[in-house]
Amino acid sequence: MSHTVITTTTTTTRTYGESGPNMGYTRTIPGLLKIGQMLALLVAFLCVRCARGWPSWAAFQYFEVVSLWFLVALLIFFLMHLFRLQASMPCINWPLTVSPPPPPHTHTHTHTAELRVCVSVGV
């Protein structure tokens, strides 16, 4: 008499909390650096914008344009990471982007079901 045992394992994984913004990114080092850079650029722009009586206005206007462009670029990258938009653009190779860790409010539920079938064959 021989026995045949067939084992089938099914695993279902659900991850909750991935549809909204990734607020956990704002607490990572890259997220904090982007926020700090944007604040520094905004302060620099406002300092130059509010300055009165300087002899070379062309240099100040150039500084304003450059600081605003960098502020807009950093804001775009920050929002891309915050809303996980780089994952939905596979046509662009993102080698320098680092996927941040999942936020602490993300819950993963795993359900495992196992089915065992024993077949007895009489010889």
PDB file of N, CA and C in Angstrom:
ATOM      1  N   MET A   1       0.845  -1.160   0.000  1.00  0.00           N
ATOM      2  CA  MET A   1       0.000   0.000   0.000  1.00  0.00           C
ATOM      3  C   MET A   1       0.900   1.234   0.000  1.00  0.00           C
ATOM      4  N   SER A   2       0.626   2.138  -0.921  1.00  0.00           N
ATOM      5  CA  SER A   2       1.416   3.365  -0.992  1.00  0.00           C
ATOM      6  C   SER A   2       0.518   4.556  -0.685  1.00  0.00           C
ATOM      7  N   HIS A   3       1.112   5.578  -0.135  1.00  0.00           N
ATOM      8  CA  HIS A   3       0.383   6.795   0.220  1.00  0.00           C
ATOM      9  C   HIS A   3       0.933   7.960  -0.574  1.00  0.00           C
ATOM     10  N   THR A   4       0.040   8.782  -1.047  1.00  0.00           N
ATOM     11  CA  THR A   4       0.429  10.001  -1.741  1.00  0.00           C
ATOM     12  C   THR A   4      -0.117  11.184  -0.957  1.00  0.00           C
ATOM     13  N   VAL A   5       0.756  12.097  -0.610  1.00  0.00           N
ATOM     14  CA  VAL A   5       0.342  13.284   0.131  1.00  0.00           C
ATOM     15  C   VAL A   5       0.582  14.492  -0.761  1.00  0.00           C
ATOM     16  N   ILE A   6      -0.472  15.268  -1.009  1.00  0.00           N
ATOM     17  CA  ILE A   6      -0.376  16.483  -1.799  1.00  0.00           C
ATOM     18  C   ILE A   6      -0.651  17.653  -0.867  1.00  0.00           C
ATOM     19  N   THR A   7       0.292  18.578  -0.768  1.00  0.00           N
ATOM     20  CA  THR A   7       0.137  19.750   0.090  1.00  0.00           C
ATOM     21  C   THR A   7       0.089  20.991  -0.776  1.00  0.00           C
ATOM     22  N   THR A   8      -0.957  21.772  -0.616  1.00  0.00           N
ATOM     23  CA  THR A   8      -1.110  23.028  -1.345  1.00  0.00           C
ATOM     24  C   THR A   8      -1.168  24.160  -0.333  1.00  0.00           C
ATOM     25  N   THR A   9      -0.301  25.149  -0.487  1.00  0.00           N
ATOM     26  CA  THR A   9      -0.269  26.293   0.414  1.00  0.00           C
ATOM     27  C   THR A   9      -0.637  27.542  -0.370  1.00  0.00           C
ATOM     28  N   THR A  10      -1.607  28.298   0.126  1.00  0.00           N
ATOM     29  CA  THR A  10      -2.041  29.531  -0.506  1.00  0.00           C
ATOM     30  C   THR A  10      -1.803  30.678   0.467  1.00  0.00           C
ATOM     31  N   THR A  11      -1.117  31.711   0.007  1.00  0.00           N
ATOM     32  CA  THR A  11      -0.838  32.867   0.843  1.00  0.00           C
ATOM     33  C   THR A  11      -1.456  34.092   0.203  1.00  0.00           C
ATOM     34  N   THR A  12      -2.225  34.840   0.961  1.00  0.00           N
ATOM     35  CA  THR A  12      -2.844  36.076   0.504  1.00  0.00           C
ATOM     36  C   THR A  12      -2.314  37.204   1.363  1.00  0.00           C
ATOM     37  N   THR A  13      -1.766  38.225   0.724  1.00  0.00           N
ATOM     38  CA  THR A  13      -1.212  39.358   1.456  1.00  0.00           C
ATOM     39  C   THR A  13      -1.965  40.612   1.056  1.00  0.00           C
ATOM     40  N   ARG A  14      -2.427  41.363   2.041  1.00  0.00           N
ATOM     41  CA  ARG A  14      -3.092  42.638   1.809  1.00  0.00           C
ATOM     42  C   ARG A  14      -2.319  43.718   2.544  1.00  0.00           C
ATOM     43  N   THR A  15      -2.073  44.812   1.874  1.00  0.00           N
ATOM     44  CA  THR A  15      -1.393  45.933   2.497  1.00  0.00           C
ATOM     45  C   THR A  15      -2.341  47.117   2.492  1.00  0.00           C
ATOM     46  N   TYR A  16      -2.569  47.657   3.661  1.00  0.00           N
ATOM     47  CA  TYR A  16      -3.472  48.789   3.805  1.00  0.00           C
ATOM     48  C   TYR A  16      -2.665  50.068   3.960  1.00  0.00           C
ATOM     49  N   GLY A  17      -3.201  51.158   3.513  1.00  0.00           N
ATOM     50  CA  GLY A  17      -2.560  52.457   3.721  1.00  0.00           C
ATOM     51  C   GLY A  17      -1.679  52.914   2.581  1.00  0.00           C
ATOM     52  N   GLU A  18      -1.716  52.261   1.427  1.00  0.00           N
ATOM     53  CA  GLU A  18      -0.867  52.663   0.313  1.00  0.00           C
ATOM     54  C   GLU A  18      -1.567  53.594  -0.662  1.00  0.00           C
ATOM     55  N   SER A  19      -2.816  53.924  -0.422  1.00  0.00           N
ATOM     56  CA  SER A  19      -3.529  54.751  -1.385  1.00  0.00           C
ATOM     57  C   SER A  19      -3.321  56.237  -1.139  1.00  0.00           C
ATOM     58  N   GLY A  20      -3.046  56.641   0.073  1.00  0.00           N
ATOM     59  CA  GLY A  20      -2.888  58.059   0.398  1.00  0.00           C
ATOM     60  C   GLY A  20      -1.434  58.478   0.357  1.00  0.00           C
ATOM     61  N   PRO A  21      -1.174  59.670   0.860  1.00  0.00           N
ATOM     62  CA  PRO A  21       0.213  60.145   0.879  1.00  0.00           C
ATOM     63  C   PRO A  21       1.066  59.351   1.853  1.00  0.00           C
ATOM     64  N   ASN A  22       2.324  59.259   1.524  1.00  0.00           N
ATOM     65  CA  ASN A  22       3.292  58.532   2.329  1.00  0.00           C
ATOM     66  C   ASN A  22       3.872  59.493   3.366  1.00  0.00           C
ATOM     67  N   MET A  23       3.152  59.707   4.459  1.00  0.00           N
ATOM     68  CA  MET A  23       3.601  60.653   5.472  1.00  0.00           C
ATOM     69  C   MET A  23       4.847  60.163   6.201  1.00  0.00           C
ATOM     70  N   GLY A  24       5.129  58.880   6.121  1.00  0.00           N
ATOM     71  CA  GLY A  24       6.354  58.350   6.719  1.00  0.00           C
ATOM     72  C   GLY A  24       7.598  58.880   6.025  1.00  0.00           C
ATOM     73  N   TYR A  25       7.462  59.289   4.753  1.00  0.00           N
ATOM     74  CA  TYR A  25       8.610  59.839   4.021  1.00  0.00           C
ATOM     75  C   TYR A  25       9.083  61.148   4.633  1.00  0.00           C
ATOM     76  N   THR A  26       8.177  61.910   5.223  1.00  0.00           N
ATOM     77  CA  THR A  26       8.566  63.194   5.812  1.00  0.00           C
ATOM     78  C   THR A  26       9.419  63.002   7.061  1.00  0.00           C
ATOM     79  N   ARG A  27       9.448  61.791   7.626  1.00  0.00           N
ATOM     80  CA  ARG A  27      10.257  61.526   8.804  1.00  0.00           C
ATOM     81  C   ARG A  27      11.561  60.810   8.482  1.00  0.00           C
ATOM     82  N   THR A  28      11.815  60.535   7.194  1.00  0.00           N
ATOM     83  CA  THR A  28      13.076  59.913   6.812  1.00  0.00           C
ATOM     84  C   THR A  28      14.127  60.992   6.564  1.00  0.00           C
ATOM     85  N   ILE A  29      15.382  60.575   6.502  1.00  0.00           N
ATOM     86  CA  ILE A  29      16.468  61.539   6.275  1.00  0.00           C
ATOM     87  C   ILE A  29      16.326  62.233   4.915  1.00  0.00           C
ATOM     88  N   PRO A  30      16.071  61.513   3.802  1.00  0.00           N
ATOM     89  CA  PRO A  30      15.879  62.226   2.533  1.00  0.00           C
ATOM     90  C   PRO A  30      14.695  63.183   2.558  1.00  0.00           C
ATOM     91  N   GLY A  31      13.604  62.802   3.222  1.00  0.00           N
ATOM     92  CA  GLY A  31      12.449  63.690   3.305  1.00  0.00           C
ATOM     93  C   GLY A  31      12.741  64.936   4.121  1.00  0.00           C
ATOM     94  N   LEU A  32      13.428  64.765   5.252  1.00  0.00           N
ATOM     95  CA  LEU A  32      13.788  65.916   6.079  1.00  0.00           C
ATOM     96  C   LEU A  32      14.776  66.833   5.363  1.00  0.00           C
ATOM     97  N   LEU A  33      15.703  66.245   4.595  1.00  0.00           N
ATOM     98  CA  LEU A  33      16.650  67.072   3.834  1.00  0.00           C
ATOM     99  C   LEU A  33      15.938  67.888   2.760  1.00  0.00           C
ATOM    100  N   LYS A  34      14.979  67.271   2.072  1.00  0.00           N
ATOM    101  CA  LYS A  34      14.229  68.013   1.047  1.00  0.00           C
ATOM    102  C   LYS A  34      13.431  69.151   1.683  1.00  0.00           C
ATOM    103  N   ILE A  35      12.806  68.890   2.823  1.00  0.00           N
ATOM    104  CA  ILE A  35      12.052  69.944   3.511  1.00  0.00           C
ATOM    105  C   ILE A  35      12.994  71.067   3.933  1.00  0.00           C
ATOM    106  N   GLY A  36      14.148  70.707   4.484  1.00  0.00           N
ATOM    107  CA  GLY A  36      15.132  71.719   4.893  1.00  0.00           C
ATOM    108  C   GLY A  36      15.658  72.528   3.720  1.00  0.00           C
ATOM    109  N   GLN A  37      15.907  71.871   2.589  1.00  0.00           N
ATOM    110  CA  GLN A  37      16.380  72.587   1.402  1.00  0.00           C
ATOM    111  C   GLN A  37      15.314  73.557   0.895  1.00  0.00           C
ATOM    112  N   MET A  38      14.072  73.116   0.891  1.00  0.00           N
ATOM    113  CA  MET A  38      13.007  74.008   0.418  1.00  0.00           C
ATOM    114  C   MET A  38      12.841  75.208   1.346  1.00  0.00           C
ATOM    115  N   LEU A  39      12.927  74.990   2.651  1.00  0.00           N
ATOM    116  CA  LEU A  39      12.826  76.107   3.580  1.00  0.00           C
ATOM    117  C   LEU A  39      14.001  77.080   3.425  1.00  0.00           C
ATOM    118  N   ALA A  40      15.210  76.544   3.245  1.00  0.00           N
ATOM    119  CA  ALA A  40      16.383  77.408   3.064  1.00  0.00           C
ATOM    120  C   ALA A  40      16.272  78.221   1.773  1.00  0.00           C
ATOM    121  N   LEU A  41      15.788  77.597   0.702  1.00  0.00           N
ATOM    122  CA  LEU A  41      15.614  78.326  -0.553  1.00  0.00           C
ATOM    123  C   LEU A  41      14.535  79.401  -0.425  1.00  0.00           C
ATOM    124  N   LEU A  42      13.471  79.091   0.292  1.00  0.00           N
ATOM    125  CA  LEU A  42      12.421  80.084   0.485  1.00  0.00           C
ATOM    126  C   LEU A  42      12.922  81.271   1.311  1.00  0.00           C
ATOM    127  N   VAL A  43      13.701  81.000   2.356  1.00  0.00           N
ATOM    128  CA  VAL A  43      14.255  82.081   3.169  1.00  0.00           C
ATOM    129  C   VAL A  43      15.237  82.915   2.347  1.00  0.00           C
ATOM    130  N   ALA A  44      16.085  82.252   1.556  1.00  0.00           N
ATOM    131  CA  ALA A  44      17.044  82.985   0.724  1.00  0.00           C
ATOM    132  C   ALA A  44      16.326  83.858  -0.300  1.00  0.00           C
ATOM    133  N   PHE A  45      15.273  83.302  -0.928  1.00  0.00           N
ATOM    134  CA  PHE A  45      14.516  84.085  -1.900  1.00  0.00           C
ATOM    135  C   PHE A  45      13.877  85.305  -1.234  1.00  0.00           C
ATOM    136  N   LEU A  46      13.267  85.101  -0.066  1.00  0.00           N
ATOM    137  CA  LEU A  46      12.610  86.221   0.617  1.00  0.00           C
ATOM    138  C   LEU A  46      13.611  87.274   1.098  1.00  0.00           C
ATOM    139  N   CYS A  47      14.801  86.844   1.518  1.00  0.00           N
ATOM    140  CA  CYS A  47      15.824  87.808   1.948  1.00  0.00           C
ATOM    141  C   CYS A  47      16.256  88.707   0.785  1.00  0.00           C
ATOM    142  N   VAL A  48      16.463  88.109  -0.376  1.00  0.00           N
ATOM    143  CA  VAL A  48      16.883  88.894  -1.535  1.00  0.00           C
ATOM    144  C   VAL A  48      15.725  89.735  -2.053  1.00  0.00           C
ATOM    145  N   ARG A  49      14.522  89.178  -2.010  1.00  0.00           N
ATOM    146  CA  ARG A  49      13.350  89.907  -2.509  1.00  0.00           C
ATOM    147  C   ARG A  49      13.052  91.143  -1.655  1.00  0.00           C
ATOM    148  N   CYS A  50      13.254  91.032  -0.360  1.00  0.00           N
ATOM    149  CA  CYS A  50      12.943  92.139   0.549  1.00  0.00           C
ATOM    150  C   CYS A  50      14.104  93.125   0.701  1.00  0.00           C
ATOM    151  N   ALA A  51      15.264  92.823   0.114  1.00  0.00           N
ATOM    152  CA  ALA A  51      16.414  93.729   0.237  1.00  0.00           C
ATOM    153  C   ALA A  51      16.169  94.976  -0.611  1.00  0.00           C
ATOM    154  N   ARG A  52      16.477  96.126  -0.077  1.00  0.00           N
ATOM    155  CA  ARG A  52      16.296  97.394  -0.781  1.00  0.00           C
ATOM    156  C   ARG A  52      17.628  98.137  -0.824  1.00  0.00           C
ATOM    157  N   GLY A  53      17.859  98.836  -1.924  1.00  0.00           N
ATOM    158  CA  GLY A  53      19.014  99.714  -2.017  1.00  0.00           C
ATOM    159  C   GLY A  53      20.309  99.057  -2.442  1.00  0.00           C
ATOM    160  N   TRP A  54      20.265  97.886  -3.013  1.00  0.00           N
ATOM    161  CA  TRP A  54      21.507  97.251  -3.467  1.00  0.00           C
ATOM    162  C   TRP A  54      21.835  97.750  -4.865  1.00  0.00           C
ATOM    163  N   PRO A  55      23.127  97.878  -5.181  1.00  0.00           N
ATOM    164  CA  PRO A  55      23.511  98.493  -6.461  1.00  0.00           C
ATOM    165  C   PRO A  55      23.244  97.625  -7.693  1.00  0.00           C
ATOM    166  N   SER A  56      23.331  96.329  -7.588  1.00  0.00           N
ATOM    167  CA  SER A  56      23.211  95.469  -8.764  1.00  0.00           C
ATOM    168  C   SER A  56      21.908  94.672  -8.708  1.00  0.00           C
ATOM    169  N   TRP A  57      20.864  95.209  -9.340  1.00  0.00           N
ATOM    170  CA  TRP A  57      19.577  94.520  -9.336  1.00  0.00           C
ATOM    171  C   TRP A  57      19.579  93.301 -10.242  1.00  0.00           C
ATOM    172  N   ALA A  58      20.391  93.295 -11.276  1.00  0.00           N
ATOM    173  CA  ALA A  58      20.431  92.144 -12.196  1.00  0.00           C
ATOM    174  C   ALA A  58      20.917  90.891 -11.469  1.00  0.00           C
ATOM    175  N   ALA A  59      21.905  91.045 -10.607  1.00  0.00           N
ATOM    176  CA  ALA A  59      22.419  89.892  -9.856  1.00  0.00           C
ATOM    177  C   ALA A  59      21.366  89.360  -8.894  1.00  0.00           C
ATOM    178  N   PHE A  60      20.616  90.262  -8.272  1.00  0.00           N
ATOM    179  CA  PHE A  60      19.570  89.825  -7.351  1.00  0.00           C
ATOM    180  C   PHE A  60      18.411  89.158  -8.095  1.00  0.00           C
ATOM    181  N   GLN A  61      18.076  89.679  -9.268  1.00  0.00           N
ATOM    182  CA  GLN A  61      17.025  89.048 -10.049  1.00  0.00           C
ATOM    183  C   GLN A  61      17.460  87.656 -10.519  1.00  0.00           C
ATOM    184  N   TYR A  62      18.727  87.525 -10.894  1.00  0.00           N
ATOM    185  CA  TYR A  62      19.246  86.211 -11.283  1.00  0.00           C
ATOM    186  C   TYR A  62      19.164  85.246 -10.102  1.00  0.00           C
ATOM    187  N   PHE A  63      19.540  85.692  -8.907  1.00  0.00           N
ATOM    188  CA  PHE A  63      19.477  84.847  -7.712  1.00  0.00           C
ATOM    189  C   PHE A  63      18.040  84.435  -7.411  1.00  0.00           C
ATOM    190  N   GLU A  64      17.092  85.373  -7.581  1.00  0.00           N
ATOM    191  CA  GLU A  64      15.690  85.050  -7.354  1.00  0.00           C
ATOM    192  C   GLU A  64      15.205  83.964  -8.314  1.00  0.00           C
ATOM    193  N   VAL A  65      15.565  84.096  -9.584  1.00  0.00           N
ATOM    194  CA  VAL A  65      15.142  83.111 -10.586  1.00  0.00           C
ATOM    195  C   VAL A  65      15.733  81.746 -10.279  1.00  0.00           C
ATOM    196  N   VAL A  66      17.019  81.709  -9.968  1.00  0.00           N
ATOM    197  CA  VAL A  66      17.673  80.420  -9.694  1.00  0.00           C
ATOM    198  C   VAL A  66      17.108  79.784  -8.432  1.00  0.00           C
ATOM    199  N   SER A  67      16.915  80.554  -7.388  1.00  0.00           N
ATOM    200  CA  SER A  67      16.385  79.977  -6.153  1.00  0.00           C
ATOM    201  C   SER A  67      14.949  79.483  -6.338  1.00  0.00           C
ATOM    202  N   LEU A  68      14.146  80.204  -7.117  1.00  0.00           N
ATOM    203  CA  LEU A  68      12.777  79.735  -7.365  1.00  0.00           C
ATOM    204  C   LEU A  68      12.753  78.463  -8.201  1.00  0.00           C
ATOM    205  N   TRP A  69      13.632  78.355  -9.205  1.00  0.00           N
ATOM    206  CA  TRP A  69      13.682  77.137 -10.012  1.00  0.00           C
ATOM    207  C   TRP A  69      14.076  75.932  -9.170  1.00  0.00           C
ATOM    208  N   PHE A  70      15.074  76.115  -8.296  1.00  0.00           N
ATOM    209  CA  PHE A  70      15.468  75.009  -7.422  1.00  0.00           C
ATOM    210  C   PHE A  70      14.350  74.673  -6.435  1.00  0.00           C
ATOM    211  N   LEU A  71      13.646  75.672  -5.953  1.00  0.00           N
ATOM    212  CA  LEU A  71      12.526  75.423  -5.046  1.00  0.00           C
ATOM    213  C   LEU A  71      11.430  74.628  -5.742  1.00  0.00           C
ATOM    214  N   VAL A  72      11.108  74.986  -6.963  1.00  0.00           N
ATOM    215  CA  VAL A  72      10.076  74.260  -7.721  1.00  0.00           C
ATOM    216  C   VAL A  72      10.531  72.829  -8.007  1.00  0.00           C
ATOM    217  N   ALA A  73      11.801  72.643  -8.399  1.00  0.00           N
ATOM    218  CA  ALA A  73      12.305  71.296  -8.686  1.00  0.00           C
ATOM    219  C   ALA A  73      12.260  70.425  -7.435  1.00  0.00           C
ATOM    220  N   LEU A  74      12.704  70.947  -6.307  1.00  0.00           N
ATOM    221  CA  LEU A  74      12.661  70.168  -5.068  1.00  0.00           C
ATOM    222  C   LEU A  74      11.229  69.878  -4.637  1.00  0.00           C
ATOM    223  N   LEU A  75      10.342  70.822  -4.835  1.00  0.00           N
ATOM    224  CA  LEU A  75       8.940  70.596  -4.495  1.00  0.00           C
ATOM    225  C   LEU A  75       8.341  69.480  -5.349  1.00  0.00           C
ATOM    226  N   ILE A  76       8.678  69.445  -6.619  1.00  0.00           N
ATOM    227  CA  ILE A  76       8.189  68.379  -7.506  1.00  0.00           C
ATOM    228  C   ILE A  76       8.699  67.021  -7.037  1.00  0.00           C
ATOM    229  N   PHE A  77      10.005  66.914  -6.744  1.00  0.00           N
ATOM    230  CA  PHE A  77      10.556  65.641  -6.289  1.00  0.00           C
ATOM    231  C   PHE A  77       9.982  65.244  -4.930  1.00  0.00           C
ATOM    232  N   PHE A  78       9.789  66.209  -4.056  1.00  0.00           N
ATOM    233  CA  PHE A  78       9.205  65.915  -2.745  1.00  0.00           C
ATOM    234  C   PHE A  78       7.781  65.375  -2.894  1.00  0.00           C
ATOM    235  N   LEU A  79       6.981  66.023  -3.739  1.00  0.00           N
ATOM    236  CA  LEU A  79       5.610  65.558  -3.952  1.00  0.00           C
ATOM    237  C   LEU A  79       5.569  64.201  -4.643  1.00  0.00           C
ATOM    238  N   MET A  80       6.544  63.951  -5.525  1.00  0.00           N
ATOM    239  CA  MET A  80       6.605  62.640  -6.180  1.00  0.00           C
ATOM    240  C   MET A  80       6.834  61.539  -5.160  1.00  0.00           C
ATOM    241  N   HIS A  81       7.746  61.768  -4.230  1.00  0.00           N
ATOM    242  CA  HIS A  81       7.998  60.766  -3.198  1.00  0.00           C
ATOM    243  C   HIS A  81       6.845  60.690  -2.201  1.00  0.00           C
ATOM    244  N   LEU A  82       6.252  61.814  -1.893  1.00  0.00           N
ATOM    245  CA  LEU A  82       5.167  61.842  -0.921  1.00  0.00           C
ATOM    246  C   LEU A  82       3.953  61.065  -1.421  1.00  0.00           C
ATOM    247  N   PHE A  83       3.633  61.191  -2.699  1.00  0.00           N
ATOM    248  CA  PHE A  83       2.480  60.500  -3.272  1.00  0.00           C
ATOM    249  C   PHE A  83       2.858  59.257  -4.075  1.00  0.00           C
ATOM    250  N   ARG A  84       4.113  58.822  -3.976  1.00  0.00           N
ATOM    251  CA  ARG A  84       4.618  57.606  -4.650  1.00  0.00           C
ATOM    252  C   ARG A  84       4.376  57.643  -6.160  1.00  0.00           C
ATOM    253  N   LEU A  85       4.593  58.789  -6.766  1.00  0.00           N
ATOM    254  CA  LEU A  85       4.339  58.928  -8.203  1.00  0.00           C
ATOM    255  C   LEU A  85       5.442  58.310  -9.049  1.00  0.00           C
ATOM    256  N   GLN A  86       6.658  58.176  -8.514  1.00  0.00           N
ATOM    257  CA  GLN A  86       7.734  57.604  -9.316  1.00  0.00           C
ATOM    258  C   GLN A  86       7.492  56.120  -9.593  1.00  0.00           C
ATOM    259  N   ALA A  87       6.701  55.457  -8.752  1.00  0.00           N
ATOM    260  CA  ALA A  87       6.392  54.050  -8.989  1.00  0.00           C
ATOM    261  C   ALA A  87       5.408  53.880 -10.145  1.00  0.00           C
ATOM    262  N   SER A  88       4.606  54.905 -10.417  1.00  0.00           N
ATOM    263  CA  SER A  88       3.629  54.802 -11.505  1.00  0.00           C
ATOM    264  C   SER A  88       4.171  55.309 -12.839  1.00  0.00           C
ATOM    265  N   MET A  89       5.464  55.653 -12.892  1.00  0.00           N
ATOM    266  CA  MET A  89       6.083  56.095 -14.141  1.00  0.00           C
ATOM    267  C   MET A  89       7.208  55.129 -14.525  1.00  0.00           C
ATOM    268  N   PRO A  90       6.869  53.956 -15.074  1.00  0.00           N
ATOM    269  CA  PRO A  90       7.908  52.990 -15.418  1.00  0.00           C
ATOM    270  C   PRO A  90       8.719  53.389 -16.648  1.00  0.00           C
ATOM    271  N   CYS A  91       8.242  54.375 -17.409  1.00  0.00           N
ATOM    272  CA  CYS A  91       8.964  54.779 -18.613  1.00  0.00           C
ATOM    273  C   CYS A  91      10.229  55.564 -18.273  1.00  0.00           C
ATOM    274  N   ILE A  92      10.341  56.041 -17.038  1.00  0.00           N
ATOM    275  CA  ILE A  92      11.519  56.799 -16.608  1.00  0.00           C
ATOM    276  C   ILE A  92      12.353  55.918 -15.699  1.00  0.00           C
ATOM    277  N   ASN A  93      13.645  55.823 -15.962  1.00  0.00           N
ATOM    278  CA  ASN A  93      14.547  55.056 -15.108  1.00  0.00           C
ATOM    279  C   ASN A  93      14.933  55.926 -13.918  1.00  0.00           C
ATOM    280  N   TRP A  94      14.632  55.482 -12.727  1.00  0.00           N
ATOM    281  CA  TRP A  94      14.890  56.249 -11.515  1.00  0.00           C
ATOM    282  C   TRP A  94      16.020  55.606 -10.704  1.00  0.00           C
ATOM    283  N   PRO A  95      17.259  55.591 -11.195  1.00  0.00           N
ATOM    284  CA  PRO A  95      18.320  54.898 -10.453  1.00  0.00           C
ATOM    285  C   PRO A  95      18.739  55.614  -9.177  1.00  0.00           C
ATOM    286  N   LEU A  96      18.526  56.910  -9.078  1.00  0.00           N
ATOM    287  CA  LEU A  96      18.968  57.642  -7.904  1.00  0.00           C
ATOM    288  C   LEU A  96      17.889  57.784  -6.838  1.00  0.00           C
ATOM    289  N   THR A  97      16.689  57.330  -7.145  1.00  0.00           N
ATOM    290  CA  THR A  97      15.646  57.423  -6.132  1.00  0.00           C
ATOM    291  C   THR A  97      15.718  56.207  -5.235  1.00  0.00           C
ATOM    292  N   VAL A  98      15.503  56.433  -3.985  1.00  0.00           N
ATOM    293  CA  VAL A  98      15.507  55.358  -3.009  1.00  0.00           C
ATOM    294  C   VAL A  98      14.102  55.235  -2.475  1.00  0.00           C
ATOM    295  N   SER A  99      13.596  54.047  -2.515  1.00  0.00           N
ATOM    296  CA  SER A  99      12.251  53.833  -2.020  1.00  0.00           C
ATOM    297  C   SER A  99      12.269  53.921  -0.499  1.00  0.00           C
ATOM    298  N   PRO A 100      11.480  54.828   0.060  1.00  0.00           N
ATOM    299  CA  PRO A 100      11.478  54.998   1.515  1.00  0.00           C
ATOM    300  C   PRO A 100      10.806  53.819   2.202  1.00  0.00           C
ATOM    301  N   PRO A 101      11.103  53.614   3.468  1.00  0.00           N
ATOM    302  CA  PRO A 101      10.436  52.526   4.185  1.00  0.00           C
ATOM    303  C   PRO A 101       8.944  52.815   4.313  1.00  0.00           C
ATOM    304  N   PRO A 102       8.149  51.774   4.456  1.00  0.00           N
ATOM    305  CA  PRO A 102       6.708  52.010   4.572  1.00  0.00           C
ATOM    306  C   PRO A 102       6.401  52.787   5.839  1.00  0.00           C
ATOM    307  N   PRO A 103       5.334  53.581   5.803  1.00  0.00           N
ATOM    308  CA  PRO A 103       4.978  54.352   6.993  1.00  0.00           C
ATOM    309  C   PRO A 103       4.557  53.414   8.125  1.00  0.00           C
ATOM    310  N   PRO A 104       4.662  53.889   9.360  1.00  0.00           N
ATOM    311  CA  PRO A 104       4.347  53.018  10.482  1.00  0.00           C
ATOM    312  C   PRO A 104       2.876  52.622  10.574  1.00  0.00           C
ATOM    313  N   HIS A 105       1.976  53.338   9.903  1.00  0.00           N
ATOM    314  CA  HIS A 105       0.554  53.002   9.974  1.00  0.00           C
ATOM    315  C   HIS A 105       0.134  51.943   8.963  1.00  0.00           C
ATOM    316  N   THR A 106       1.075  51.446   8.145  1.00  0.00           N
ATOM    317  CA  THR A 106       0.754  50.427   7.155  1.00  0.00           C
ATOM    318  C   THR A 106       0.660  49.068   7.848  1.00  0.00           C
ATOM    319  N   HIS A 107      -0.435  48.383   7.634  1.00  0.00           N
ATOM    320  CA  HIS A 107      -0.641  47.077   8.242  1.00  0.00           C
ATOM    321  C   HIS A 107      -0.679  46.028   7.148  1.00  0.00           C
ATOM    322  N   THR A 108       0.041  44.954   7.354  1.00  0.00           N
ATOM    323  CA  THR A 108       0.058  43.862   6.396  1.00  0.00           C
ATOM    324  C   THR A 108      -0.578  42.644   7.051  1.00  0.00           C
ATOM    325  N   HIS A 109      -1.598  42.121   6.419  1.00  0.00           N
ATOM    326  CA  HIS A 109      -2.273  40.940   6.920  1.00  0.00           C
ATOM    327  C   HIS A 109      -1.956  39.781   5.986  1.00  0.00           C
ATOM    328  N   THR A 110      -1.507  38.687   6.548  1.00  0.00           N
ATOM    329  CA  THR A 110      -1.191  37.516   5.755  1.00  0.00           C
ATOM    330  C   THR A 110      -2.090  36.374   6.213  1.00  0.00           C
ATOM    331  N   HIS A 111      -2.725  35.744   5.261  1.00  0.00           N
ATOM    332  CA  HIS A 111      -3.595  34.616   5.552  1.00  0.00           C
ATOM    333  C   HIS A 111      -3.043  33.415   4.793  1.00  0.00           C
ATOM    334  N   THR A 112      -2.742  32.374   5.514  1.00  0.00           N
ATOM    335  CA  THR A 112      -2.198  31.176   4.894  1.00  0.00           C
ATOM    336  C   THR A 112      -3.190  30.041   5.088  1.00  0.00           C
ATOM    337  N   ALA A 113      -3.514  29.403   4.009  1.00  0.00           N
ATOM    338  CA  ALA A 113      -4.405  28.243   4.065  1.00  0.00           C
ATOM    339  C   ALA A 113      -3.659  27.045   3.515  1.00  0.00           C
ATOM    340  N   GLU A 114      -3.800  25.943   4.179  1.00  0.00           N
ATOM    341  CA  GLU A 114      -3.097  24.743   3.741  1.00  0.00           C
ATOM    342  C   GLU A 114      -4.125  23.637   3.517  1.00  0.00           C
ATOM    343  N   LEU A 115      -3.973  22.945   2.421  1.00  0.00           N
ATOM    344  CA  LEU A 115      -4.887  21.874   2.056  1.00  0.00           C
ATOM    345  C   LEU A 115      -4.068  20.601   1.900  1.00  0.00           C
ATOM    346  N   ARG A 116      -4.401  19.596   2.651  1.00  0.00           N
ATOM    347  CA  ARG A 116      -3.692  18.333   2.546  1.00  0.00           C
ATOM    348  C   ARG A 116      -4.668  17.276   2.025  1.00  0.00           C
ATOM    349  N   VAL A 117      -4.209  16.575   1.038  1.00  0.00           N
ATOM    350  CA  VAL A 117      -5.012  15.500   0.463  1.00  0.00           C
ATOM    351  C   VAL A 117      -4.200  14.225   0.588  1.00  0.00           C
ATOM    352  N   CYS A 118      -4.764  13.255   1.241  1.00  0.00           N
ATOM    353  CA  CYS A 118      -4.105  11.944   1.400  1.00  0.00           C
ATOM    354  C   CYS A 118      -4.855  10.948   0.543  1.00  0.00           C
ATOM    355  N   VAL A 119      -4.140  10.277  -0.275  1.00  0.00           N
ATOM    356  CA  VAL A 119      -4.733   9.286  -1.148  1.00  0.00           C
ATOM    357  C   VAL A 119      -4.091   7.935  -0.826  1.00  0.00           C
ATOM    358  N   SER A 120      -4.904   6.987  -0.528  1.00  0.00           N
ATOM    359  CA  SER A 120      -4.407   5.627  -0.253  1.00  0.00           C
ATOM    360  C   SER A 120      -4.703   4.765  -1.466  1.00  0.00           C
ATOM    361  N   VAL A 121      -3.696   4.138  -1.918  1.00  0.00           N
ATOM    362  CA  VAL A 121      -3.851   3.264  -3.083  1.00  0.00           C
ATOM    363  C   VAL A 121      -3.571   1.843  -2.625  1.00  0.00           C
ATOM    364  N   GLY A 122      -4.527   0.985  -2.746  1.00  0.00           N
ATOM    365  CA  GLY A 122      -4.350  -0.405  -2.359  1.00  0.00           C
ATOM    366  C   GLY A 122      -3.715  -1.193  -3.502  1.00  0.00           C
ATOM    367  N   VAL A 123      -2.719  -1.959  -3.183  1.00  0.00           N
ATOM    368  CA  VAL A 123      -2.047  -2.742  -4.212  1.00  0.00           C
ATOM    369  C   VAL A 123      -2.344  -4.200  -4.015  1.00  0.00           C
TER     370      VAL A 123
END
